[in-house]
């Protein structure tokens, strides 16, 4: 469902949401790689079809916190979400924390 705001703020929120979803799916793919696991392995752990895992990780759908929580639960991990002060240059950046977490900061 699109962000309800209109204009530049709504568009910025849409872009930020899409970026966060991409980052989350990249993080999950990286975790699977580190654990030498396939999407089918994750599907078995989540008790869902491999197609459902592909939907979650494709970036084509609006990734929900519940979907992320289900992935984390299956992988026996916690999810951290951090809000940080914006950087002065106004550019968006992703910070890799090196501990299987990420921060998307304005």
N, C-alpha and C. Protein backbone atom coordinates (compact mmCIF):
# COMPACT_ATOMS: atom_id res chain seq x y z
N UNK A 1 0.84 -1.18 0.00
CA UNK A 1 0.00 0.00 0.00
C UNK A 1 0.89 1.23 0.00
N UNK A 2 0.63 2.18 -0.88
CA UNK A 2 1.47 3.37 -0.95
C UNK A 2 1.34 4.25 0.29
N UNK A 3 2.39 4.99 0.55
CA UNK A 3 2.38 5.95 1.65
C UNK A 3 1.25 6.93 1.41
N UNK A 4 0.53 7.29 2.46
CA UNK A 4 -0.66 8.13 2.31
C UNK A 4 -0.33 9.60 2.08
N UNK A 5 0.89 9.99 2.41
CA UNK A 5 1.25 11.39 2.21
C UNK A 5 1.44 11.71 0.74
N UNK A 6 1.15 12.93 0.40
CA UNK A 6 1.32 13.39 -0.98
C UNK A 6 2.50 14.36 -1.03
N UNK A 7 3.00 14.58 -2.22
CA UNK A 7 4.05 15.56 -2.41
C UNK A 7 5.42 15.02 -2.08
N UNK A 8 6.38 15.91 -1.91
CA UNK A 8 7.78 15.52 -1.71
C UNK A 8 7.99 14.64 -0.47
N UNK A 9 7.30 14.92 0.62
CA UNK A 9 7.47 14.11 1.84
C UNK A 9 6.98 12.68 1.62
N UNK A 10 5.85 12.54 0.95
CA UNK A 10 5.32 11.21 0.65
C UNK A 10 6.23 10.44 -0.29
N UNK A 11 6.75 11.14 -1.30
CA UNK A 11 7.67 10.50 -2.23
C UNK A 11 8.95 10.08 -1.53
N UNK A 12 9.46 10.92 -0.64
CA UNK A 12 10.67 10.59 0.11
C UNK A 12 10.43 9.37 0.99
N UNK A 13 9.26 9.30 1.61
CA UNK A 13 8.93 8.15 2.46
C UNK A 13 8.85 6.88 1.62
N UNK A 14 8.28 6.97 0.43
CA UNK A 14 8.20 5.81 -0.47
C UNK A 14 9.60 5.33 -0.84
N UNK A 15 10.47 6.25 -1.21
CA UNK A 15 11.85 5.89 -1.57
C UNK A 15 12.59 5.28 -0.38
N UNK A 16 12.43 5.87 0.79
CA UNK A 16 13.10 5.35 1.98
C UNK A 16 12.59 3.96 2.32
N UNK A 17 11.29 3.75 2.19
CA UNK A 17 10.72 2.43 2.46
C UNK A 17 11.23 1.38 1.50
N UNK A 18 11.31 1.73 0.23
CA UNK A 18 11.83 0.80 -0.77
C UNK A 18 13.30 0.47 -0.50
N UNK A 19 14.06 1.48 -0.09
CA UNK A 19 15.47 1.26 0.22
C UNK A 19 15.63 0.35 1.43
N UNK A 20 14.83 0.57 2.45
CA UNK A 20 14.89 -0.29 3.63
C UNK A 20 14.53 -1.73 3.28
N UNK A 21 13.51 -1.92 2.45
CA UNK A 21 13.11 -3.26 2.04
C UNK A 21 14.25 -3.95 1.28
N UNK A 22 14.90 -3.20 0.37
CA UNK A 22 16.03 -3.78 -0.37
C UNK A 22 17.17 -4.14 0.57
N UNK A 23 17.46 -3.27 1.52
CA UNK A 23 18.53 -3.56 2.47
C UNK A 23 18.21 -4.81 3.29
N UNK A 24 16.97 -4.92 3.72
CA UNK A 24 16.58 -6.07 4.53
C UNK A 24 16.72 -7.36 3.73
N UNK A 25 16.30 -7.35 2.46
CA UNK A 25 16.41 -8.57 1.67
C UNK A 25 17.87 -8.91 1.37
N UNK A 26 18.70 -7.89 1.17
CA UNK A 26 20.13 -8.13 0.98
C UNK A 26 20.74 -8.72 2.25
N UNK A 27 20.35 -8.21 3.41
CA UNK A 27 20.84 -8.74 4.68
C UNK A 27 20.46 -10.20 4.85
N UNK A 28 19.21 -10.53 4.55
CA UNK A 28 18.75 -11.91 4.69
C UNK A 28 19.53 -12.81 3.72
N UNK A 29 19.69 -12.37 2.49
CA UNK A 29 20.46 -13.16 1.52
C UNK A 29 21.90 -13.37 2.02
N UNK A 30 22.49 -12.32 2.60
CA UNK A 30 23.83 -12.45 3.15
C UNK A 30 23.89 -13.43 4.30
N UNK A 31 22.89 -13.40 5.16
CA UNK A 31 22.83 -14.35 6.27
C UNK A 31 22.72 -15.78 5.76
N UNK A 32 21.88 -15.98 4.75
CA UNK A 32 21.75 -17.32 4.19
C UNK A 32 23.08 -17.78 3.61
N UNK A 33 23.78 -16.89 2.91
CA UNK A 33 25.09 -17.22 2.36
C UNK A 33 26.09 -17.59 3.44
N UNK A 34 26.13 -16.80 4.52
CA UNK A 34 27.05 -17.08 5.62
C UNK A 34 26.78 -18.43 6.26
N UNK A 35 25.51 -18.81 6.27
CA UNK A 35 25.12 -20.09 6.88
C UNK A 35 25.07 -21.23 5.86
N UNK A 36 25.47 -20.94 4.63
CA UNK A 36 25.44 -21.92 3.55
C UNK A 36 24.04 -22.54 3.43
N UNK A 37 23.04 -21.66 3.46
CA UNK A 37 21.64 -22.09 3.37
C UNK A 37 21.02 -21.57 2.08
N UNK A 38 20.06 -22.32 1.57
CA UNK A 38 19.31 -21.90 0.40
C UNK A 38 17.98 -21.31 0.84
N UNK A 39 17.27 -20.72 -0.12
CA UNK A 39 15.92 -20.23 0.15
C UNK A 39 15.00 -21.39 0.54
N UNK A 40 15.24 -22.56 -0.07
CA UNK A 40 14.44 -23.74 0.27
C UNK A 40 14.68 -24.14 1.73
N UNK A 41 15.93 -24.01 2.20
CA UNK A 41 16.23 -24.30 3.61
C UNK A 41 15.46 -23.35 4.52
N UNK A 42 15.47 -22.07 4.16
CA UNK A 42 14.74 -21.08 4.95
C UNK A 42 13.24 -21.38 4.94
N UNK A 43 12.72 -21.76 3.79
CA UNK A 43 11.30 -22.10 3.69
C UNK A 43 10.95 -23.24 4.63
N UNK A 44 11.80 -24.25 4.70
CA UNK A 44 11.55 -25.37 5.61
C UNK A 44 11.54 -24.89 7.06
N UNK A 45 12.49 -24.04 7.42
CA UNK A 45 12.55 -23.52 8.79
C UNK A 45 11.33 -22.67 9.12
N UNK A 46 10.82 -21.95 8.12
CA UNK A 46 9.67 -21.07 8.33
C UNK A 46 8.35 -21.80 8.19
N UNK A 47 8.40 -23.03 7.69
CA UNK A 47 7.20 -23.83 7.43
C UNK A 47 6.29 -23.14 6.41
N UNK A 48 6.93 -22.62 5.36
CA UNK A 48 6.21 -22.00 4.25
C UNK A 48 6.76 -22.57 2.96
N UNK A 49 6.13 -22.25 1.86
CA UNK A 49 6.61 -22.73 0.57
C UNK A 49 7.85 -21.96 0.14
N UNK A 50 8.70 -22.59 -0.69
CA UNK A 50 9.83 -21.84 -1.24
C UNK A 50 9.38 -20.61 -2.02
N UNK A 51 8.21 -20.71 -2.65
CA UNK A 51 7.68 -19.55 -3.37
C UNK A 51 7.40 -18.38 -2.46
N UNK A 52 6.93 -18.66 -1.24
CA UNK A 52 6.67 -17.58 -0.28
C UNK A 52 7.98 -16.90 0.12
N UNK A 53 9.02 -17.68 0.34
CA UNK A 53 10.32 -17.09 0.67
C UNK A 53 10.81 -16.24 -0.49
N UNK A 54 10.62 -16.72 -1.70
CA UNK A 54 11.02 -15.93 -2.87
C UNK A 54 10.25 -14.62 -2.92
N UNK A 55 8.96 -14.65 -2.59
CA UNK A 55 8.17 -13.41 -2.55
C UNK A 55 8.75 -12.44 -1.53
N UNK A 56 9.07 -12.96 -0.35
CA UNK A 56 9.61 -12.10 0.72
C UNK A 56 10.93 -11.47 0.29
N UNK A 57 11.78 -12.27 -0.34
CA UNK A 57 13.13 -11.81 -0.67
C UNK A 57 13.25 -11.17 -2.05
N UNK A 58 12.15 -11.11 -2.80
CA UNK A 58 12.23 -10.57 -4.15
C UNK A 58 12.28 -9.06 -4.19
N UNK A 59 11.77 -8.42 -3.17
CA UNK A 59 11.69 -6.97 -3.19
C UNK A 59 10.49 -6.46 -3.96
N UNK A 60 9.70 -7.38 -4.54
CA UNK A 60 8.53 -6.98 -5.31
C UNK A 60 7.33 -6.65 -4.43
N UNK A 61 7.33 -7.15 -3.24
CA UNK A 61 6.19 -6.89 -2.36
C UNK A 61 6.60 -5.90 -1.29
N UNK A 62 5.62 -5.35 -0.63
CA UNK A 62 5.89 -4.45 0.49
C UNK A 62 6.30 -5.31 1.67
N UNK A 63 7.58 -5.38 1.95
CA UNK A 63 8.10 -6.21 3.02
C UNK A 63 7.57 -5.70 4.36
N UNK A 64 6.98 -6.59 5.13
CA UNK A 64 6.41 -6.18 6.40
C UNK A 64 7.34 -6.54 7.55
N UNK A 65 7.12 -5.87 8.67
CA UNK A 65 7.87 -6.21 9.87
C UNK A 65 7.56 -7.64 10.30
N UNK A 66 6.34 -8.07 10.10
CA UNK A 66 5.97 -9.45 10.45
C UNK A 66 6.73 -10.46 9.60
N UNK A 67 6.90 -10.16 8.32
CA UNK A 67 7.68 -11.05 7.46
C UNK A 67 9.13 -11.11 7.94
N UNK A 68 9.70 -9.96 8.25
CA UNK A 68 11.07 -9.94 8.78
C UNK A 68 11.17 -10.69 10.10
N UNK A 69 10.17 -10.52 10.95
CA UNK A 69 10.17 -11.21 12.24
C UNK A 69 10.09 -12.72 12.03
N UNK A 70 9.31 -13.17 11.06
CA UNK A 70 9.21 -14.60 10.77
C UNK A 70 10.54 -15.16 10.28
N UNK A 71 11.22 -14.40 9.44
CA UNK A 71 12.55 -14.82 8.97
C UNK A 71 13.51 -14.89 10.16
N UNK A 72 13.53 -13.85 10.97
CA UNK A 72 14.42 -13.81 12.13
C UNK A 72 14.13 -14.96 13.08
N UNK A 73 12.88 -15.23 13.32
CA UNK A 73 12.50 -16.33 14.20
C UNK A 73 13.01 -17.66 13.66
N UNK A 74 12.83 -17.88 12.37
CA UNK A 74 13.29 -19.12 11.74
C UNK A 74 14.81 -19.27 11.83
N UNK A 75 15.52 -18.15 11.73
CA UNK A 75 16.99 -18.18 11.78
C UNK A 75 17.52 -18.01 13.20
N UNK A 76 16.60 -17.94 14.17
CA UNK A 76 16.95 -17.76 15.58
C UNK A 76 17.80 -16.51 15.80
N UNK A 77 17.31 -15.41 15.22
CA UNK A 77 17.97 -14.11 15.32
C UNK A 77 16.99 -13.06 15.82
N UNK A 78 17.52 -11.96 16.31
CA UNK A 78 16.72 -10.79 16.65
C UNK A 78 16.87 -9.77 15.53
N UNK A 79 15.90 -8.90 15.41
CA UNK A 79 15.97 -7.79 14.46
C UNK A 79 16.13 -6.51 15.27
N UNK A 80 17.10 -5.68 14.86
CA UNK A 80 17.29 -4.38 15.50
C UNK A 80 16.91 -3.30 14.51
N UNK A 81 16.16 -2.33 15.00
CA UNK A 81 15.82 -1.17 14.18
C UNK A 81 16.33 0.05 14.94
N UNK A 82 17.11 0.88 14.25
CA UNK A 82 17.68 2.05 14.89
C UNK A 82 17.31 3.31 14.11
N UNK A 83 16.98 4.34 14.84
CA UNK A 83 16.78 5.66 14.24
C UNK A 83 17.99 6.50 14.64
N UNK A 84 18.57 7.19 13.67
CA UNK A 84 19.75 7.99 13.93
C UNK A 84 19.55 9.39 13.38
N UNK A 85 20.31 10.32 13.90
CA UNK A 85 20.25 11.70 13.43
C UNK A 85 20.71 11.78 11.99
N UNK A 86 20.12 12.67 11.21
CA UNK A 86 20.52 12.80 9.81
C UNK A 86 21.95 13.30 9.67
N UNK A 87 22.58 12.88 8.60
CA UNK A 87 23.91 13.36 8.27
C UNK A 87 23.77 14.74 7.64
N UNK A 88 24.73 15.61 7.87
CA UNK A 88 24.66 17.00 7.40
C UNK A 88 24.53 17.14 5.89
N UNK A 89 25.11 16.20 5.11
CA UNK A 89 25.10 16.37 3.65
C UNK A 89 23.74 16.07 3.02
N UNK A 90 22.80 15.57 3.80
CA UNK A 90 21.45 15.32 3.28
C UNK A 90 21.33 14.08 2.42
N UNK A 91 22.44 13.42 2.11
CA UNK A 91 22.39 12.20 1.31
C UNK A 91 22.02 11.00 2.16
N UNK A 92 21.33 10.03 1.57
CA UNK A 92 20.96 8.82 2.31
C UNK A 92 22.14 7.88 2.29
N UNK A 93 22.30 7.14 3.35
CA UNK A 93 23.38 6.18 3.41
C UNK A 93 22.97 4.97 4.22
N UNK A 94 23.57 3.87 3.91
CA UNK A 94 23.35 2.64 4.67
C UNK A 94 24.63 2.33 5.44
N UNK A 95 24.50 2.04 6.68
CA UNK A 95 25.65 1.74 7.51
C UNK A 95 25.67 0.25 7.82
N UNK A 96 26.70 -0.44 7.41
CA UNK A 96 26.85 -1.83 7.80
C UNK A 96 27.47 -1.85 9.17
N UNK A 97 26.87 -2.58 10.07
CA UNK A 97 27.35 -2.60 11.44
C UNK A 97 28.29 -3.78 11.70
N UNK A 98 28.40 -4.70 10.73
CA UNK A 98 29.31 -5.82 10.89
C UNK A 98 28.79 -6.88 11.85
N UNK A 99 27.59 -6.71 12.36
CA UNK A 99 27.05 -7.70 13.30
C UNK A 99 25.69 -8.20 12.83
N UNK A 100 25.56 -8.37 11.52
CA UNK A 100 24.31 -8.83 10.89
C UNK A 100 23.16 -7.86 11.12
N UNK A 101 23.46 -6.59 11.35
CA UNK A 101 22.41 -5.58 11.44
C UNK A 101 22.76 -4.45 10.50
N UNK A 102 21.81 -3.61 10.22
CA UNK A 102 22.04 -2.47 9.35
C UNK A 102 21.26 -1.29 9.86
N UNK A 103 21.69 -0.14 9.43
CA UNK A 103 20.98 1.09 9.76
C UNK A 103 20.85 1.88 8.47
N UNK A 104 19.67 2.33 8.18
CA UNK A 104 19.46 3.25 7.05
C UNK A 104 19.27 4.61 7.64
N UNK A 105 20.17 5.50 7.35
CA UNK A 105 20.13 6.81 7.97
C UNK A 105 20.00 7.90 6.91
N UNK A 106 19.20 8.89 7.19
CA UNK A 106 19.11 10.00 6.24
C UNK A 106 20.39 10.80 6.22
